[in-house]
C-alpha atoms as a PDB file:
ATOM      1  CA  UNK A   1       0.000   0.000   0.000  1.00  0.00           C
ATOM      2  CA  UNK A   2       1.597   3.300  -1.058  1.00  0.00           C
ATOM      3  CA  UNK A   3       1.077   6.778   0.440  1.00  0.00           C
ATOM      4  CA  UNK A   4      -1.592   7.717  -2.076  1.00  0.00           C
ATOM      5  CA  UNK A   5      -3.606   4.549  -1.423  1.00  0.00           C
ATOM      6  CA  UNK A   6      -3.158   5.075   2.321  1.00  0.00           C
ATOM      7  CA  UNK A   7      -4.633   8.591   2.052  1.00  0.00           C
ATOM      8  CA  UNK A   8      -7.457   7.259  -0.083  1.00  0.00           C
ATOM      9  CA  UNK A   9      -8.183   4.605   2.526  1.00  0.00           C
ATOM     10  CA  UNK A  10      -8.227   7.224   5.269  1.00  0.00           C
ATOM     11  CA  UNK A  11     -10.643   9.344   3.263  1.00  0.00           C
ATOM     12  CA  UNK A  12     -12.989   6.486   2.392  1.00  0.00           C
ATOM     13  CA  UNK A  13     -12.691   4.584   5.640  1.00  0.00           C
ATOM     14  CA  UNK A  14     -11.398   1.531   3.766  1.00  0.00           C
ATOM     15  CA  UNK A  15      -9.967  -1.081   6.114  1.00  0.00           C
ATOM     16  CA  UNK A  16      -6.561  -2.739   5.930  1.00  0.00           C
ATOM     17  CA  UNK A  17      -6.957  -6.205   4.434  1.00  0.00           C
ATOM     18  CA  UNK A  18      -5.005  -8.857   6.351  1.00  0.00           C
ATOM     19  CA  UNK A  19      -4.117 -12.419   5.359  1.00  0.00           C
ATOM     20  CA  UNK A  20      -2.969 -14.646   8.233  1.00  0.00           C
ATOM     21  CA  UNK A  21      -0.674 -17.673   7.851  1.00  0.00           C
ATOM     22  CA  UNK A  22      -0.514 -19.682  11.083  1.00  0.00           C
ATOM     23  CA  UNK A  23      -0.446 -23.422  11.830  1.00  0.00           C
ATOM     24  CA  UNK A  24      -1.911 -23.252  15.358  1.00  0.00           C
ATOM     25  CA  UNK A  25      -5.730 -23.097  15.107  1.00  0.00           C
ATOM     26  CA  UNK A  26      -6.042 -21.496  18.563  1.00  0.00           C
ATOM     27  CA  UNK A  27      -3.637 -18.683  17.692  1.00  0.00           C
ATOM     28  CA  UNK A  28      -5.349 -18.249  14.332  1.00  0.00           C
ATOM     29  CA  UNK A  29      -8.776 -18.037  15.943  1.00  0.00           C
ATOM     30  CA  UNK A  30      -7.578 -15.439  18.453  1.00  0.00           C
ATOM     31  CA  UNK A  31      -5.944 -13.347  15.729  1.00  0.00           C
ATOM     32  CA  UNK A  32      -9.035 -13.488  13.555  1.00  0.00           C
ATOM     33  CA  UNK A  33     -11.303 -12.428  16.415  1.00  0.00           C
ATOM     34  CA  UNK A  34      -8.988  -9.537  17.314  1.00  0.00           C
ATOM     35  CA  UNK A  35      -8.859  -8.274  13.738  1.00  0.00           C
ATOM     36  CA  UNK A  36     -12.589  -8.630  13.115  1.00  0.00           C
ATOM     37  CA  UNK A  37     -13.397  -6.702  16.292  1.00  0.00           C
ATOM     38  CA  UNK A  38     -11.285  -3.742  15.211  1.00  0.00           C
ATOM     39  CA  UNK A  39     -12.870  -1.546  12.553  1.00  0.00           C
ATOM     40  CA  UNK A  40      -9.525  -0.661  10.985  1.00  0.00           C
ATOM     41  CA  UNK A  41      -9.019  -4.170   9.604  1.00  0.00           C
ATOM     42  CA  UNK A  42     -10.690  -6.579   7.220  1.00  0.00           C
ATOM     43  CA  UNK A  43      -9.875 -10.256   7.688  1.00  0.00           C
ATOM     44  CA  UNK A  44      -8.922 -11.441   4.182  1.00  0.00           C
ATOM     45  CA  UNK A  45      -8.518 -15.102   5.043  1.00  0.00           C
ATOM     46  CA  UNK A  46      -6.184 -17.634   6.605  1.00  0.00           C
ATOM     47  CA  UNK A  47      -3.869 -20.457   5.572  1.00  0.00           C
ATOM     48  CA  UNK A  48      -1.825 -22.988   7.525  1.00  0.00           C
ATOM     49  CA  UNK A  49       0.809 -23.849   4.915  1.00  0.00           C
ATOM     50  CA  UNK A  50       3.478 -21.884   3.109  1.00  0.00           C
ATOM     51  CA  UNK A  51       2.464 -23.474  -0.183  1.00  0.00           C
ATOM     52  CA  UNK A  52      -1.108 -22.188   0.116  1.00  0.00           C
ATOM     53  CA  UNK A  53       0.161 -18.775   1.215  1.00  0.00           C
ATOM     54  CA  UNK A  54       2.371 -18.453  -1.871  1.00  0.00           C
ATOM     55  CA  UNK A  55      -0.544 -19.384  -4.122  1.00  0.00           C
ATOM     56  CA  UNK A  56      -2.688 -16.625  -2.597  1.00  0.00           C
ATOM     57  CA  UNK A  57       0.174 -14.112  -2.589  1.00  0.00           C
ATOM     58  CA  UNK A  58       0.639 -14.667  -6.309  1.00  0.00           C
ATOM     59  CA  UNK A  59      -3.023 -14.388  -7.267  1.00  0.00           C
ATOM     60  CA  UNK A  60      -4.749 -12.234  -4.625  1.00  0.00           C
ATOM     61  CA  UNK A  61      -4.712  -8.677  -3.368  1.00  0.00           C
ATOM     62  CA  UNK A  62      -4.385  -7.953   0.333  1.00  0.00           C
ATOM     63  CA  UNK A  63      -2.545  -5.202   2.181  1.00  0.00           C
ATOM     64  CA  UNK A  64      -0.538  -7.085   4.806  1.00  0.00           C
ATOM     65  CA  UNK A  65       0.305 -10.711   5.502  1.00  0.00           C
ATOM     66  CA  UNK A  66       0.761 -11.796   9.099  1.00  0.00           C
ATOM     67  CA  UNK A  67       2.767 -15.025   9.206  1.00  0.00           C
ATOM     68  CA  UNK A  68       3.589 -17.286  12.117  1.00  0.00           C
ATOM     69  CA  UNK A  69       7.183 -18.430  12.464  1.00  0.00           C
ATOM     70  CA  UNK A  70       6.200 -22.083  12.090  1.00  0.00           C
ATOM     71  CA  UNK A  71       3.752 -23.287   9.414  1.00  0.00           C
ATOM     72  CA  UNK A  72       2.754 -26.872   8.700  1.00  0.00           C
ATOM     73  CA  UNK A  73       5.208 -27.275   5.818  1.00  0.00           C
ATOM     74  CA  UNK A  74       7.933 -24.643   6.332  1.00  0.00           C
ATOM     75  CA  UNK A  75       9.154 -22.048   8.754  1.00  0.00           C
ATOM     76  CA  UNK A  76       9.179 -18.278   8.429  1.00  0.00           C
ATOM     77  CA  UNK A  77      12.717 -18.138   7.057  1.00  0.00           C
ATOM     78  CA  UNK A  78      11.839 -20.546   4.223  1.00  0.00           C
ATOM     79  CA  UNK A  79       8.706 -18.570   3.396  1.00  0.00           C
ATOM     80  CA  UNK A  80      10.447 -15.183   3.422  1.00  0.00           C
ATOM     81  CA  UNK A  81      13.189 -16.608   1.220  1.00  0.00           C
ATOM     82  CA  UNK A  82      10.624 -17.941  -1.252  1.00  0.00           C
ATOM     83  CA  UNK A  83       8.799 -14.584  -1.323  1.00  0.00           C
ATOM     84  CA  UNK A  84      12.083 -12.913  -2.266  1.00  0.00           C
ATOM     85  CA  UNK A  85      13.052 -15.523  -4.828  1.00  0.00           C
ATOM     86  CA  UNK A  86       9.662 -15.208  -6.540  1.00  0.00           C
ATOM     87  CA  UNK A  87       9.856 -11.395  -6.301  1.00  0.00           C
ATOM     88  CA  UNK A  88       6.359 -11.219  -4.813  1.00  0.00           C
ATOM     89  CA  UNK A  89       5.114  -7.763  -3.870  1.00  0.00           C
ATOM     90  CA  UNK A  90       3.928  -8.723  -0.387  1.00  0.00           C
ATOM     91  CA  UNK A  91       4.214  -6.719   2.823  1.00  0.00           C
ATOM     92  CA  UNK A  92       4.879  -9.159   5.657  1.00  0.00           C
ATOM     93  CA  UNK A  93       4.661  -8.978   9.436  1.00  0.00           C
ATOM     94  CA  UNK A  94       6.089 -11.949  11.317  1.00  0.00           C
ATOM     95  CA  UNK A  95       3.988 -12.969  14.326  1.00  0.00           C
ATOM     96  CA  UNK A  96       6.354 -15.043  16.442  1.00  0.00           C
ATOM     97  CA  UNK A  97       6.169 -16.926  19.709  1.00  0.00           C
ATOM     98  CA  UNK A  98       9.973 -17.175  19.760  1.00  0.00           C
ATOM     99  CA  UNK A  99      11.728 -14.555  21.883  1.00  0.00           C
ATOM    100  CA  UNK A 100      14.994 -15.035  20.022  1.00  0.00           C
ATOM    101  CA  UNK A 101      16.998 -12.056  18.762  1.00  0.00           C
ATOM    102  CA  UNK A 102      18.578 -14.345  16.160  1.00  0.00           C
ATOM    103  CA  UNK A 103      15.180 -14.981  14.573  1.00  0.00           C
ATOM    104  CA  UNK A 104      14.418 -11.260  14.557  1.00  0.00           C
ATOM    105  CA  UNK A 105      17.717 -10.479  12.827  1.00  0.00           C
ATOM    106  CA  UNK A 106      17.097 -13.256  10.316  1.00  0.00           C
ATOM    107  CA  UNK A 107      13.636 -11.861   9.522  1.00  0.00           C
ATOM    108  CA  UNK A 108      15.063  -8.393   8.914  1.00  0.00           C
ATOM    109  CA  UNK A 109      17.766  -9.769   6.627  1.00  0.00           C
ATOM    110  CA  UNK A 110      15.161 -11.778   4.706  1.00  0.00           C
ATOM    111  CA  UNK A 111      12.967  -8.750   4.067  1.00  0.00           C
ATOM    112  CA  UNK A 112      10.217  -8.852   6.719  1.00  0.00           C
ATOM    113  CA  UNK A 113       8.573  -5.433   7.106  1.00  0.00           C
ATOM    114  CA  UNK A 114       7.206  -5.972  10.604  1.00  0.00           C
ATOM    115  CA  UNK A 115       7.816  -8.192  13.605  1.00  0.00           C
ATOM    116  CA  UNK A 116       5.810  -8.679  16.772  1.00  0.00           C
ATOM    117  CA  UNK A 117       5.425 -11.314  19.463  1.00  0.00           C
ATOM    118  CA  UNK A 118       2.334 -13.372  20.216  1.00  0.00           C
ATOM    119  CA  UNK A 119       2.516 -12.213  23.830  1.00  0.00           C
ATOM    120  CA  UNK A 120       2.507  -8.508  22.853  1.00  0.00           C
ATOM    121  CA  UNK A 121      -0.485  -6.363  23.768  1.00  0.00           C
ATOM    122  CA  UNK A 122      -3.102  -6.259  20.968  1.00  0.00           C
ATOM    123  CA  UNK A 123      -2.441  -2.552  20.447  1.00  0.00           C
ATOM    124  CA  UNK A 124       1.207  -3.258  19.635  1.00  0.00           C
ATOM    125  CA  UNK A 125       0.186  -5.911  17.130  1.00  0.00           C
ATOM    126  CA  UNK A 126      -2.370  -3.584  15.535  1.00  0.00           C
ATOM    127  CA  UNK A 127       0.067  -0.681  15.288  1.00  0.00           C
ATOM    128  CA  UNK A 128       2.690  -2.949  13.729  1.00  0.00           C
ATOM    129  CA  UNK A 129       0.253  -4.106  11.043  1.00  0.00           C
ATOM    130  CA  UNK A 130      -0.890  -0.543  10.361  1.00  0.00           C
ATOM    131  CA  UNK A 131       2.673   0.737  10.091  1.00  0.00           C
ATOM    132  CA  UNK A 132       3.556  -2.016   7.623  1.00  0.00           C
ATOM    133  CA  UNK A 133       0.409  -1.268   5.600  1.00  0.00           C
ATOM    134  CA  UNK A 134       1.571   2.359   5.395  1.00  0.00           C
ATOM    135  CA  UNK A 135       4.850   1.313   3.826  1.00  0.00           C
ATOM    136  CA  UNK A 136       7.029   1.464   6.933  1.00  0.00           C
ATOM    137  CA  UNK A 137       9.363  -0.948   8.677  1.00  0.00           C
ATOM    138  CA  UNK A 138       8.184  -1.768  12.204  1.00  0.00           C
ATOM    139  CA  UNK A 139      10.315  -4.073  14.338  1.00  0.00           C
ATOM    140  CA  UNK A 140      11.251  -4.229  18.039  1.00  0.00           C
ATOM    141  CA  UNK A 141      14.358  -2.290  19.027  1.00  0.00           C
ATOM    142  CA  UNK A 142      17.610  -3.817  17.847  1.00  0.00           C
ATOM    143  CA  UNK A 143      21.069  -2.317  17.363  1.00  0.00           C
ATOM    144  CA  UNK A 144      20.929  -1.724  13.611  1.00  0.00           C
ATOM    145  CA  UNK A 145      24.737  -1.946  13.388  1.00  0.00           C
ATOM    146  CA  UNK A 146      24.493  -5.588  14.432  1.00  0.00           C
ATOM    147  CA  UNK A 147      22.162  -6.363  11.529  1.00  0.00           C
ATOM    148  CA  UNK A 148      25.166  -6.001   9.229  1.00  0.00           C
ATOM    149  CA  UNK A 149      27.211  -8.415  11.313  1.00  0.00           C
ATOM    150  CA  UNK A 150      25.945 -11.340   9.296  1.00  0.00           C
ATOM    151  CA  UNK A 151      27.460 -14.613   8.085  1.00  0.00           C
ATOM    152  CA  UNK A 152      27.736 -13.006   4.627  1.00  0.00           C
ATOM    153  CA  UNK A 153      30.131 -10.394   5.974  1.00  0.00           C
ATOM    154  CA  UNK A 154      32.505 -13.188   6.987  1.00  0.00           C
ATOM    155  CA  UNK A 155      32.598 -15.035   3.655  1.00  0.00           C
ATOM    156  CA  UNK A 156      35.796 -15.255   1.626  1.00  0.00           C
ATOM    157  CA  UNK A 157      35.980 -13.696  -1.837  1.00  0.00           C
ATOM    158  CA  UNK A 158      35.630 -17.122  -3.456  1.00  0.00           C
ATOM    159  CA  UNK A 159      32.632 -17.983  -1.300  1.00  0.00           C
ATOM    160  CA  UNK A 160      30.925 -14.723  -2.242  1.00  0.00           C
ATOM    161  CA  UNK A 161      31.623 -15.475  -5.922  1.00  0.00           C
ATOM    162  CA  UNK A 162      30.011 -18.888  -5.477  1.00  0.00           C
ATOM    163  CA  UNK A 163      26.991 -17.296  -3.821  1.00  0.00           C
ATOM    164  CA  UNK A 164      26.725 -14.767  -6.654  1.00  0.00           C
ATOM    165  CA  UNK A 165      26.546 -17.454  -9.347  1.00  0.00           C
ATOM    166  CA  UNK A 166      23.925 -19.301  -7.294  1.00  0.00           C
ATOM    167  CA  UNK A 167      21.892 -16.089  -7.308  1.00  0.00           C
ATOM    168  CA  UNK A 168      22.315 -15.954 -11.092  1.00  0.00           C
ATOM    169  CA  UNK A 169      20.689 -19.377 -11.325  1.00  0.00           C
ATOM    170  CA  UNK A 170      23.702 -21.535 -12.131  1.00  0.00           C
ATOM    171  CA  UNK A 171      23.195 -25.268 -11.612  1.00  0.00           C
ATOM    172  CA  UNK A 172      25.752 -27.519  -9.943  1.00  0.00           C
ATOM    173  CA  UNK A 173      26.696 -28.872 -13.381  1.00  0.00           C
ATOM    174  CA  UNK A 174      27.252 -25.381 -14.772  1.00  0.00           C
ATOM    175  CA  UNK A 175      29.431 -24.445 -11.810  1.00  0.00           C
ATOM    176  CA  UNK A 176      31.444 -27.643 -12.197  1.00  0.00           C
ATOM    177  CA  UNK A 177      31.897 -27.190 -15.959  1.00  0.00           C
ATOM    178  CA  UNK A 178      32.940 -23.542 -15.755  1.00  0.00           C
ATOM    179  CA  UNK A 179      35.332 -24.006 -12.836  1.00  0.00           C
ATOM    180  CA  UNK A 180      36.846 -27.314 -13.901  1.00  0.00           C
ATOM    181  CA  UNK A 181      35.889 -29.270 -10.781  1.00  0.00           C
ATOM    182  CA  UNK A 182      33.594 -32.248 -10.262  1.00  0.00           C
ATOM    183  CA  UNK A 183      29.926 -31.956  -9.279  1.00  0.00           C
ATOM    184  CA  UNK A 184      30.722 -33.773  -6.031  1.00  0.00           C
ATOM    185  CA  UNK A 185      33.304 -31.103  -5.223  1.00  0.00           C
ATOM    186  CA  UNK A 186      30.721 -28.426  -5.996  1.00  0.00           C
ATOM    187  CA  UNK A 187      28.286 -30.097  -3.594  1.00  0.00           C
ATOM    188  CA  UNK A 188      31.007 -30.196  -0.943  1.00  0.00           C
ATOM    189  CA  UNK A 189      31.686 -26.462  -1.343  1.00  0.00           C
ATOM    190  CA  UNK A 190      27.962 -25.674  -1.276  1.00  0.00           C
ATOM    191  CA  UNK A 191      27.480 -27.653   1.923  1.00  0.00           C
ATOM    192  CA  UNK A 192      30.299 -25.691   3.552  1.00  0.00           C
ATOM    193  CA  UNK A 193      28.780 -22.449   2.288  1.00  0.00           C
ATOM    194  CA  UNK A 194      25.326 -23.311   3.673  1.00  0.00           C
ATOM    195  CA  UNK A 195      26.861 -24.268   7.029  1.00  0.00           C
ATOM    196  CA  UNK A 196      28.741 -20.974   7.175  1.00  0.00           C
ATOM    197  CA  UNK A 197      25.577 -19.022   6.355  1.00  0.00           C
ATOM    198  CA  UNK A 198      23.509 -21.091   8.821  1.00  0.00           C
ATOM    199  CA  UNK A 199      20.961 -21.896   6.110  1.00  0.00           C
ATOM    200  CA  UNK A 200      19.525 -25.206   4.958  1.00  0.00           C
ATOM    201  CA  UNK A 201      19.303 -24.829   1.209  1.00  0.00           C
ATOM    202  CA  UNK A 202      20.085 -22.858  -1.940  1.00  0.00           C
ATOM    203  CA  UNK A 203      16.881 -20.797  -1.807  1.00  0.00           C
ATOM    204  CA  UNK A 204      17.666 -19.450   1.658  1.00  0.00           C
ATOM    205  CA  UNK A 205      21.273 -18.673   0.705  1.00  0.00           C
ATOM    206  CA  UNK A 206      20.178 -16.769  -2.394  1.00  0.00           C
ATOM    207  CA  UNK A 207      17.518 -14.885  -0.413  1.00  0.00           C
ATOM    208  CA  UNK A 208      20.130 -13.723   2.122  1.00  0.00           C
ATOM    209  CA  UNK A 209      22.407 -12.608  -0.706  1.00  0.00           C
ATOM    210  CA  UNK A 210      19.584 -10.729  -2.462  1.00  0.00           C
ATOM    211  CA  UNK A 211      18.511  -9.075   0.772  1.00  0.00           C
ATOM    212  CA  UNK A 212      22.047  -7.835   1.485  1.00  0.00           C
ATOM    213  CA  UNK A 213      22.311  -6.362  -2.016  1.00  0.00           C
ATOM    214  CA  UNK A 214      18.987  -4.564  -1.562  1.00  0.00           C
ATOM    215  CA  UNK A 215      19.926  -3.121   1.845  1.00  0.00           C
ATOM    216  CA  UNK A 216      23.313  -2.066   0.536  1.00  0.00           C
ATOM    217  CA  UNK A 217      21.991  -0.386  -2.604  1.00  0.00           C
END
C-alpha cells in the first residue's frame, strides 16, 4: 500500500486487508477475532501452509500478511526466502512466539517489514500491522549496526563469488563445468557455504544474498 492509497483509505474509511498464515488453530482463531473486532481491519482469510500462502500471494490482493514463524510445511525463514526468490510484492509482518533475537535479525535480513510477538499487547500488534500497511518498517528495538554483522560479511571472496553465481541461477553442473571441478566437489563447497551461512538450502542462501544487495543499494 503506497502513500496515495493510504490517504485514499483514510478518506474512504477503507480497512486494511489482512491475510494470516498460522499453523496453530487457537492462535489463528484469536488473531481473527482480534482483527474482526477492530474496525480498521478486514480479515482477508487464513492459511496454515506456506504453499497455500504463496498461491494466494501470487493471485490475490491484500494489504498485509501476518505469518507465524512455524507453518505446517515450512518455517518463516523458508517462506520469506521464497517470497524474495519469486519477487512477490507482499508486505509481511512476522507474528512469532519465539523470543529469540537471532530470529528477529534473520527476519530483517530476509525482508520482513514488521515483527511482533504473540505475547505482545493487541495494540502493539495492531500498530505494527498498520505501520507495515503504510509502507514502513516496524520491528522491536535492535542495534541496527548488528544487523550487518551477518554470516555473509565473513565469507571469503571465493565464497561470495560462489553465492553470486547461485543467485544468477547456475546449476551444480554449470558451476562444475565452468570451474573445472567435479559436481561432487561443488556439492562439498555448497554444503560448507550453507553451514557458514547457517541456512539449509540454496533458496535461503540466495535470499540472504539478495537481501544484502537490496539493503546495501
